[in-house]
Amino acid sequence: MAEPLLIMRHGQAGAGSPDPDRRLTERGEREAARMGAWLAARRDLDLSRLRLLASPYRRARQTADRVAEALGLAVETLPLITPDDPPQAVVDWLLDQADDRPLMLVSHMPLVGSLTGLLVEGRADRGLGFPTAAIAELAAEVRAAGCARLTRVTAPADIAGQEGR
């Protein structure tokens, strides 16, 4: 089986324009840090080999940076995971990647919901609603449309006070 695929929505962001420059709010910073600490405390995933990729939009990069700090990793930018990019393009990209490392994509709604729906249900219109900073964990033999199984969805509110447990 391929290594896990984690799909994360960025933390809460403030209003602003242009959209790519919107920043995390203080709450968004806390959400991202909480999720990073929670991931770092997990013993069921080998995240030392995690490949962490983020949208080039500021709020996604800020979120990925908080996760990277907790895990001691670097963040790569992946231009094709902005809010309005087509989920099929991401699936095509995933198919071209080696699946020998866990992979985490930090992106935006509606893409994270549509991408999860496409990978699990084979349909982008069957996606999840992601709270800010939520992480969906998928398992698949092949990271292709309709071939993944959703194993877990976790939001910051789900782990409040549990970091380090």
Protein backbone atom coordinates (compact mmCIF):
# COMPACT_ATOMS: atom_id res chain seq x y z
CA MET A 1 0.00 0.00 0.00
CA ALA A 2 1.19 3.51 -0.77
CA GLU A 3 2.18 5.77 2.09
CA PRO A 4 -0.58 7.94 3.60
CA LEU A 5 -1.81 11.07 1.87
CA LEU A 6 -2.80 13.92 4.17
CA ILE A 7 -4.84 16.84 2.88
CA MET A 8 -5.02 19.95 5.06
CA ARG A 9 -6.97 23.16 4.77
CA HIS A 10 -5.12 26.29 5.89
CA GLY A 11 -5.91 27.89 9.24
CA GLN A 12 -8.41 30.72 9.65
CA ALA A 13 -7.46 33.67 7.44
CA GLY A 14 -8.41 37.31 7.58
CA ALA A 15 -10.25 39.18 4.87
CA GLY A 16 -8.24 41.03 2.29
CA SER A 17 -7.29 41.53 -1.26
CA PRO A 18 -5.63 40.33 -3.34
CA ASP A 19 -6.62 36.82 -2.30
CA PRO A 20 -3.13 35.27 -2.59
CA ASP A 21 -1.82 37.72 0.03
CA ARG A 22 -4.40 37.03 2.76
CA ARG A 23 -2.75 36.16 6.07
CA LEU A 24 -3.67 33.86 8.92
CA THR A 25 -5.44 35.43 11.86
CA GLU A 26 -4.12 34.85 15.39
CA ARG A 27 -6.67 32.05 15.66
CA GLY A 28 -5.41 30.60 12.36
CA GLU A 29 -1.83 30.65 13.67
CA ARG A 30 -2.97 28.80 16.81
CA GLU A 31 -4.95 26.26 14.76
CA ALA A 32 -1.96 25.50 12.54
CA ALA A 33 0.41 25.21 15.51
CA ARG A 34 -2.05 22.92 17.32
CA MET A 35 -2.32 20.60 14.33
CA GLY A 36 1.46 20.55 13.93
CA ALA A 37 1.93 19.61 17.60
CA TRP A 38 -0.74 16.92 17.29
CA LEU A 39 0.95 15.43 14.23
CA ALA A 40 4.35 15.55 15.93
CA ALA A 41 2.95 13.58 18.88
CA ARG A 42 1.48 10.83 16.70
CA ARG A 43 3.25 7.49 16.81
CA ASP A 44 1.12 5.75 14.19
CA LEU A 45 2.58 7.74 11.27
CA ASP A 46 6.21 7.94 10.18
CA LEU A 47 6.28 11.66 9.56
CA SER A 48 10.07 11.95 9.57
CA ARG A 49 9.88 11.14 5.85
CA LEU A 50 6.86 13.34 5.15
CA ARG A 51 6.92 15.43 1.99
CA LEU A 52 5.09 18.65 2.90
CA LEU A 53 3.73 20.77 0.04
CA ALA A 54 1.76 24.01 0.22
CA SER A 55 -0.13 26.29 -2.08
CA PRO A 56 1.83 29.45 -2.92
CA TYR A 57 -0.89 31.56 -1.25
CA ARG A 58 0.36 33.19 1.96
CA ARG A 59 -2.17 31.63 4.36
CA ALA A 60 -1.40 28.09 3.16
CA ARG A 61 2.36 28.72 3.39
CA GLN A 62 1.95 30.10 6.92
CA THR A 63 -0.05 27.02 7.92
CA ALA A 64 2.49 24.64 6.37
CA ASP A 65 5.32 26.53 8.10
CA ARG A 66 3.71 25.93 11.53
CA VAL A 67 3.36 22.20 10.74
CA ALA A 68 6.92 22.06 9.40
CA GLU A 69 8.27 23.67 12.57
CA ALA A 70 6.59 21.02 14.72
CA LEU A 71 7.87 18.18 12.55
CA GLY A 72 11.33 19.54 11.75
CA LEU A 73 10.66 19.51 8.00
CA ALA A 74 10.95 21.83 5.03
CA VAL A 75 7.98 23.07 2.99
CA GLU A 76 7.82 22.83 -0.79
CA THR A 77 5.53 25.06 -2.85
CA LEU A 78 3.14 23.39 -5.27
CA PRO A 79 1.56 25.97 -7.60
CA LEU A 80 -1.31 23.75 -8.75
CA ILE A 81 -3.10 23.59 -5.37
CA THR A 82 -4.61 27.07 -5.15
CA PRO A 83 -8.32 27.47 -4.29
CA ASP A 84 -9.70 27.27 -7.82
CA ASP A 85 -7.34 24.74 -9.38
CA PRO A 86 -9.04 21.64 -10.82
CA PRO A 87 -8.84 18.59 -8.57
CA GLN A 88 -8.17 16.30 -11.56
CA ALA A 89 -4.93 18.19 -12.24
CA VAL A 90 -3.83 17.41 -8.68
CA VAL A 91 -4.74 13.73 -9.10
CA ASP A 92 -2.74 13.64 -12.34
CA TRP A 93 0.21 15.18 -10.47
CA LEU A 94 -0.17 12.63 -7.64
CA LEU A 95 -0.03 9.77 -10.14
CA ASP A 96 3.34 11.05 -11.36
CA GLN A 97 4.81 11.11 -7.83
CA ALA A 98 6.56 8.26 -6.06
CA ASP A 99 4.31 6.86 -3.34
CA ASP A 100 7.11 5.66 -1.08
CA ARG A 101 6.82 8.61 1.32
CA PRO A 102 3.89 10.06 3.22
CA LEU A 103 2.63 13.18 1.47
CA MET A 104 0.80 16.21 2.86
CA LEU A 105 -0.86 18.92 0.79
CA VAL A 106 -1.79 22.21 2.51
CA SER A 107 -4.34 24.04 0.42
CA HIS A 108 -7.76 25.73 0.38
CA MET A 109 -11.47 25.19 0.01
CA PRO A 110 -12.99 24.35 -2.36
CA LEU A 111 -9.98 22.38 -3.68
CA VAL A 112 -9.34 20.29 -0.55
CA GLY A 113 -12.98 19.18 -0.41
CA SER A 114 -13.22 18.47 -4.14
CA LEU A 115 -9.89 16.65 -4.21
CA THR A 116 -10.86 14.42 -1.30
CA GLY A 117 -14.19 13.63 -2.98
CA LEU A 118 -12.47 12.80 -6.25
CA LEU A 119 -9.90 10.54 -4.61
CA VAL A 120 -12.41 8.70 -2.39
CA GLU A 121 -15.69 8.76 -4.33
CA GLY A 122 -14.37 9.29 -7.84
CA ARG A 123 -16.38 12.52 -8.01
CA ALA A 124 -15.24 16.02 -7.14
CA ASP A 125 -18.80 17.05 -6.25
CA ARG A 126 -18.83 14.55 -3.35
CA GLY A 127 -16.15 16.27 -1.30
CA LEU A 128 -15.89 17.00 2.37
CA GLY A 129 -16.53 20.28 4.10
CA PHE A 130 -13.23 21.08 5.80
CA PRO A 131 -13.09 23.25 8.92
CA THR A 132 -10.06 25.53 8.99
CA ALA A 133 -6.80 23.63 9.64
CA ALA A 134 -8.56 20.25 9.39
CA ILE A 135 -6.61 17.27 8.07
CA ALA A 136 -8.08 14.39 6.07
CA GLU A 137 -6.02 11.20 6.01
CA LEU A 138 -6.35 8.89 3.02
CA ALA A 139 -4.99 5.44 2.27
CA ALA A 140 -4.76 4.01 -1.23
CA GLU A 141 -2.94 1.44 -3.31
CA VAL A 142 -2.86 4.08 -6.05
CA ARG A 143 -3.44 7.82 -5.52
CA ALA A 144 -6.06 8.02 -8.26
CA ALA A 145 -9.73 9.01 -8.60
CA GLY A 146 -11.99 6.65 -6.68
CA CYS A 147 -9.10 4.58 -5.32
CA ALA A 148 -8.59 6.07 -1.84
CA ARG A 149 -10.16 5.31 1.49
CA LEU A 150 -10.78 8.10 3.99
CA THR A 151 -9.30 6.87 7.26
CA ARG A 152 -9.62 9.93 9.47
CA VAL A 153 -10.60 13.61 9.52
CA THR A 154 -9.33 15.74 12.38
CA ALA A 155 -9.95 19.43 13.08
CA PRO A 156 -8.28 21.62 15.72
CA ALA A 157 -11.44 21.52 17.86
CA ASP A 158 -11.22 17.71 17.92
CA ILE A 159 -7.85 17.76 19.65
CA ALA A 160 -8.08 20.79 21.93
CA GLY A 161 -6.04 19.89 24.99
CA GLN A 162 -4.86 16.55 23.56
CA GLU A 163 -1.52 17.58 22.05
CA GLY A 164 1.24 15.40 23.41
CA ARG A 165 -1.09 12.58 24.46
